[in-house]
Protein backbone atom coordinates (compact mmCIF):
# COMPACT_ATOMS: atom_id res chain seq x y z
CA MET A 1 42.31 -42.05 26.06
CA ALA A 2 39.19 -40.07 25.18
CA LYS A 3 39.47 -37.46 22.48
CA TYR A 4 37.88 -34.14 23.44
CA PRO A 5 36.22 -31.84 20.94
CA THR A 6 38.46 -29.30 19.29
CA ASP A 7 36.22 -26.43 20.51
CA LEU A 8 36.80 -27.41 24.12
CA ASP A 9 40.56 -27.65 23.56
CA MET A 10 40.56 -24.18 21.98
CA ALA A 11 38.61 -22.71 24.90
CA PHE A 12 40.96 -24.16 27.51
CA SER A 13 43.98 -23.11 25.48
CA ALA A 14 42.67 -19.55 25.20
CA LEU A 15 41.97 -19.39 28.94
CA ALA A 16 45.43 -20.69 29.83
CA ASP A 17 46.80 -17.13 29.62
CA PRO A 18 46.14 -14.89 32.67
CA ILE A 19 45.59 -11.78 30.55
CA ARG A 20 42.92 -13.52 28.49
CA ARG A 21 41.23 -14.79 31.68
CA ALA A 22 41.21 -11.22 32.98
CA ILE A 23 39.73 -9.97 29.70
CA VAL A 24 36.92 -12.54 29.91
CA SER A 25 36.33 -11.63 33.55
CA ARG A 26 36.02 -7.95 32.68
CA LEU A 27 33.65 -8.74 29.82
CA CYS A 28 31.41 -10.68 32.21
CA GLU A 29 30.60 -7.29 33.74
CA GLY A 30 29.27 -6.09 30.37
CA PRO A 31 30.41 -4.96 26.93
CA LYS A 32 33.60 -2.92 26.78
CA SER A 33 35.55 -1.20 24.04
CA VAL A 34 39.09 -2.33 23.31
CA SER A 35 40.45 0.82 24.95
CA GLU A 36 38.39 0.08 28.08
CA LEU A 37 39.73 -3.47 28.10
CA SER A 38 43.32 -2.24 27.83
CA GLU A 39 43.15 0.09 30.87
CA PRO A 40 44.40 -2.28 33.62
CA PHE A 41 47.11 -3.90 31.49
CA ARG A 42 50.56 -2.58 30.76
CA ILE A 43 50.73 -3.95 27.24
CA ALA A 44 50.54 -2.25 23.86
CA LEU A 45 47.17 -2.10 22.13
CA PRO A 46 48.29 -4.42 19.27
CA SER A 47 49.28 -7.03 21.87
CA LEU A 48 45.90 -6.74 23.58
CA LEU A 49 44.18 -7.13 20.21
CA LYS A 50 46.08 -10.40 19.66
CA HIS A 51 44.66 -11.69 22.94
CA VAL A 52 41.15 -10.62 21.90
CA ARG A 53 41.56 -12.39 18.54
CA VAL A 54 42.54 -15.63 20.31
CA LEU A 55 39.42 -15.35 22.47
CA GLU A 56 37.28 -14.67 19.39
CA HIS A 57 38.79 -17.61 17.52
CA SER A 58 38.00 -19.90 20.45
CA GLY A 59 34.40 -18.69 20.47
CA LEU A 60 34.57 -17.21 23.99
CA VAL A 61 33.98 -13.60 22.95
CA SER A 62 32.74 -11.71 19.92
CA SER A 63 33.31 -8.20 18.62
CA GLU A 64 30.89 -5.74 17.10
């Protein structure tokens, strides 16, 4: 069995969650603040930040 690069595994793992896919989809429209990202979700801000950190760690998004 072929061994895939760790970066690719991390990206697919990060995108396995529907909230993280929605975050990436919203960011495709343009940069957004964390509060703007949290608007459509009914989760606490610290929980949303955990999702953002997973996406950052996988290299799919970056924060300024």
